[in-house]
Amino acid sequence: MQELYKYLENEWNHLNDGTRKSKHQFHLFTIATIDQNKPEQRTVVLRGVNKEKSSIYFHTDKRSPKLKSIESNNLVSALFYDSDRRVQLRINCFAYIEKSERTLIKIWNSMRAQSKLCYMGPFNPSEEIENFTPNLPRISEKEITKKDEDLGLSRFCRVRLKMNELELLKLNYKGHKRMKFIFGKNITCKWIAS
């Protein structure tokens, strides 16, 4: 079973790389939520990894429908795929919305001004609009005022995905390798057929 843990350790390293390198194939991933018994998927940006807490993080707008879905059913699924290495990670998680204002302020203050603009747009995410209009304020990143900062911060949110199970699939023409990791007090693992 040591071999399985080495595969998992390697993927933790790649997840960490995905937070720092925008070109890394794990930088963007898909999450699926359930909204009124209907699955909903969207792509989000990997913003943090905590191996000790078996958790990954992404940021979103508090007005986003995905938060309402998480509030009504916090069981979500995350999907990563690295086409260069031919590795897929399917992760079942519990989603937790960050409530600590201190934590949110710290993250907000570490963000680039260009990223902050995304939270200052006039429309709620998924709101129907008459014509295409960029959902951005009519200012540049150099013109952000304290009032703009406060508005963006009031809409900013971080979501923690606590892993329950992770399925790792390594595609190979000589035989795909598929394994499952279950996160509890300890991590258990097993080979599964692909």
Protein backbone atom coordinates (compact mmCIF):
# COMPACT_ATOMS: atom_id res chain seq x y z
CA MET A 1 0.00 0.00 0.00
CA GLN A 2 3.00 2.32 0.34
CA GLU A 3 2.96 2.68 -3.45
CA LEU A 4 -0.55 4.15 -3.26
CA TYR A 5 0.49 6.75 -0.69
CA LYS A 6 3.36 7.80 -2.97
CA TYR A 7 0.82 8.47 -5.74
CA LEU A 8 -1.25 10.57 -3.33
CA GLU A 9 1.79 12.52 -2.13
CA ASN A 10 2.70 13.31 -5.75
CA GLU A 11 -0.81 14.67 -6.37
CA TRP A 12 -0.62 16.88 -3.26
CA ASN A 13 2.53 18.39 -4.81
CA HIS A 14 0.71 18.99 -8.09
CA LEU A 15 -2.25 20.56 -6.30
CA ASN A 16 0.15 22.91 -4.52
CA ASP A 17 1.74 23.79 -7.86
CA GLY A 18 -1.75 24.49 -9.20
CA THR A 19 -2.20 27.28 -6.64
CA ARG A 20 1.01 29.02 -7.70
CA LYS A 21 1.25 28.44 -11.45
CA SER A 22 -1.57 29.69 -13.67
CA LYS A 23 -0.44 27.40 -16.50
CA HIS A 24 -0.54 24.26 -14.33
CA GLN A 25 -3.33 21.91 -15.37
CA PHE A 26 -4.70 21.80 -11.81
CA HIS A 27 -5.00 25.60 -11.58
CA LEU A 28 -8.57 25.38 -12.90
CA PHE A 29 -10.92 22.64 -11.79
CA THR A 30 -14.60 21.77 -11.94
CA ILE A 31 -16.93 21.63 -8.97
CA ALA A 32 -20.39 20.13 -9.02
CA THR A 33 -23.16 21.06 -6.61
CA ILE A 34 -26.78 20.03 -6.33
CA ASP A 35 -29.39 22.76 -6.73
CA GLN A 36 -33.02 21.69 -6.29
CA ASN A 37 -32.14 18.07 -7.19
CA LYS A 38 -30.32 19.21 -10.35
CA PRO A 39 -26.54 18.92 -10.73
CA GLU A 40 -24.71 22.15 -11.55
CA GLN A 41 -21.06 22.34 -12.65
CA ARG A 42 -18.67 25.22 -13.01
CA THR A 43 -14.96 25.88 -13.33
CA VAL A 44 -13.20 27.60 -10.44
CA VAL A 45 -9.61 28.56 -9.67
CA LEU A 46 -7.62 26.57 -7.12
CA ARG A 47 -6.55 29.14 -4.50
CA GLY A 48 -5.24 27.05 -1.63
CA VAL A 49 -4.28 23.57 -0.47
CA ASN A 50 -3.96 22.28 3.09
CA LYS A 51 -2.70 18.71 3.17
CA GLU A 52 -3.03 18.40 6.98
CA LYS A 53 -6.73 19.34 6.77
CA SER A 54 -7.26 17.34 3.54
CA SER A 55 -8.68 20.54 2.06
CA ILE A 56 -8.58 22.68 -1.05
CA TYR A 57 -9.92 26.22 -1.44
CA PHE A 58 -11.44 28.50 -4.06
CA HIS A 59 -12.76 32.06 -4.03
CA THR A 60 -16.15 33.25 -5.21
CA ASP A 61 -18.63 36.10 -5.06
CA LYS A 62 -21.07 35.87 -2.11
CA ARG A 63 -23.90 36.63 -4.55
CA SER A 64 -23.10 33.54 -6.66
CA PRO A 65 -25.78 30.83 -6.99
CA LYS A 66 -23.18 28.18 -6.09
CA LEU A 67 -23.12 29.51 -2.53
CA LYS A 68 -26.87 29.09 -2.21
CA SER A 69 -26.46 25.51 -3.48
CA ILE A 70 -23.70 24.86 -0.93
CA GLU A 71 -25.80 26.32 1.88
CA SER A 72 -28.67 23.95 1.06
CA ASN A 73 -26.46 20.89 0.39
CA ASN A 74 -22.77 21.12 1.18
CA LEU A 75 -21.84 17.77 -0.41
CA VAL A 76 -19.94 18.67 -3.59
CA SER A 77 -17.68 16.98 -6.09
CA ALA A 78 -14.42 18.36 -7.50
CA LEU A 79 -12.78 17.19 -10.72
CA PHE A 80 -9.19 17.80 -11.83
CA TYR A 81 -7.60 16.56 -15.04
CA ASP A 82 -3.97 16.88 -16.12
CA SER A 83 -3.85 16.00 -19.83
CA ASP A 84 -0.03 16.11 -19.92
CA ARG A 85 0.31 13.45 -17.22
CA ARG A 86 -3.05 11.79 -18.05
CA VAL A 87 -4.15 11.94 -14.43
CA GLN A 88 -7.69 12.51 -13.19
CA LEU A 89 -8.69 13.31 -9.61
CA ARG A 90 -12.35 12.90 -8.62
CA ILE A 91 -12.95 14.20 -5.11
CA ASN A 92 -16.07 14.00 -2.96
CA CYS A 93 -16.04 16.82 -0.42
CA PHE A 94 -17.97 18.77 2.15
CA ALA A 95 -17.96 22.49 1.32
CA TYR A 96 -17.62 25.09 4.05
CA ILE A 97 -18.09 28.82 3.51
CA GLU A 98 -15.45 30.89 5.34
CA LYS A 99 -17.10 32.98 8.07
CA SER A 100 -14.03 34.58 9.68
CA GLU A 101 -13.90 38.23 8.70
CA ARG A 102 -10.26 38.38 9.80
CA THR A 103 -9.34 35.53 7.43
CA LEU A 104 -11.25 37.07 4.52
CA ILE A 105 -9.60 40.47 5.06
CA LYS A 106 -6.15 38.85 5.17
CA ILE A 107 -6.78 37.01 1.88
CA TRP A 108 -8.35 40.10 0.28
CA ASN A 109 -5.35 42.26 1.21
CA SER A 110 -2.99 39.72 -0.40
CA MET A 111 -4.86 39.76 -3.74
CA ARG A 112 -3.83 41.70 -6.83
CA ALA A 113 -5.96 44.74 -7.67
CA GLN A 114 -6.87 43.19 -11.03
CA SER A 115 -8.44 40.20 -9.23
CA LYS A 116 -10.33 42.44 -6.82
CA LEU A 117 -12.12 44.18 -9.72
CA CYS A 118 -14.09 40.95 -10.34
CA TYR A 119 -15.97 41.53 -7.07
CA MET A 120 -16.88 45.14 -7.84
CA GLY A 121 -19.11 44.57 -10.88
CA PRO A 122 -22.66 45.96 -10.97
CA PHE A 123 -24.46 42.65 -11.64
CA ASN A 124 -25.02 39.62 -9.47
CA PRO A 125 -23.37 36.50 -10.91
CA SER A 126 -25.87 34.67 -13.19
CA GLU A 127 -28.19 37.70 -13.32
CA GLU A 128 -29.91 38.11 -16.68
CA ILE A 129 -28.87 41.27 -18.51
CA GLU A 130 -30.34 43.07 -21.52
CA ASN A 131 -27.12 43.22 -23.60
CA PHE A 132 -23.57 42.09 -23.11
CA THR A 133 -21.90 44.36 -20.60
CA PRO A 134 -18.69 43.38 -18.83
CA ASN A 135 -19.49 42.75 -15.18
CA LEU A 136 -16.70 45.03 -14.06
CA PRO A 137 -16.64 48.50 -12.53
CA ARG A 138 -15.89 51.40 -14.85
CA ILE A 139 -12.54 52.01 -13.25
CA SER A 140 -9.07 50.61 -13.76
CA GLU A 141 -7.18 48.76 -11.09
CA LYS A 142 -5.18 51.95 -10.45
CA GLU A 143 -8.36 53.90 -9.69
CA ILE A 144 -9.73 51.66 -6.93
CA THR A 145 -10.86 53.74 -3.96
CA LYS A 146 -11.44 52.73 -0.33
CA LYS A 147 -15.18 52.62 -1.09
CA ASP A 148 -14.51 50.24 -4.02
CA GLU A 149 -12.27 48.08 -1.79
CA ASP A 150 -15.00 47.86 0.86
CA LEU A 151 -17.62 46.94 -1.74
CA GLY A 152 -15.43 44.20 -3.25
CA LEU A 153 -14.51 42.80 0.17
CA SER A 154 -18.20 42.70 1.19
CA ARG A 155 -18.83 40.37 -1.79
CA PHE A 156 -15.67 38.28 -1.48
CA CYS A 157 -15.84 34.74 -0.15
CA ARG A 158 -13.58 31.71 0.29
CA VAL A 159 -14.88 28.14 0.17
CA ARG A 160 -13.07 25.22 1.78
CA LEU A 161 -13.58 21.77 0.27
CA LYS A 162 -12.85 19.10 2.90
CA MET A 163 -12.07 15.82 1.15
CA ASN A 164 -14.04 12.69 2.03
CA GLU A 165 -12.87 10.47 -0.83
CA LEU A 166 -10.38 10.95 -3.64
CA GLU A 167 -10.24 8.67 -6.68
CA LEU A 168 -7.02 8.89 -8.63
CA LEU A 169 -6.97 7.55 -12.18
CA LYS A 170 -3.68 7.35 -14.07
CA LEU A 171 -4.35 6.53 -17.71
CA ASN A 172 -1.89 4.23 -19.45
CA TYR A 173 -2.31 2.08 -22.57
CA LYS A 174 -0.65 -0.83 -20.70
CA GLY A 175 -3.34 -0.67 -18.03
CA HIS A 176 -4.98 2.23 -16.23
CA LYS A 177 -4.15 2.57 -12.54
CA ARG A 178 -7.10 3.54 -10.36
CA MET A 179 -7.06 3.95 -6.61
CA LYS A 180 -9.34 5.30 -3.90
CA PHE A 181 -8.31 7.24 -0.79
CA ILE A 182 -10.78 7.68 2.08
CA PHE A 183 -10.09 10.57 4.47
CA GLY A 184 -11.03 10.02 8.09
CA LYS A 185 -8.98 10.00 11.25
CA ASN A 186 -6.41 8.26 9.06
CA ILE A 187 -6.24 7.96 5.29
CA THR A 188 -7.12 4.51 3.98
CA CYS A 189 -6.50 3.44 0.41
CA LYS A 190 -7.20 0.62 -2.02
CA TRP A 191 -6.77 -0.29 -5.65
CA ILE A 192 -9.97 -0.29 -7.69
CA ALA A 193 -10.65 -1.55 -11.21
CA SER A 194 -10.63 1.01 -13.99
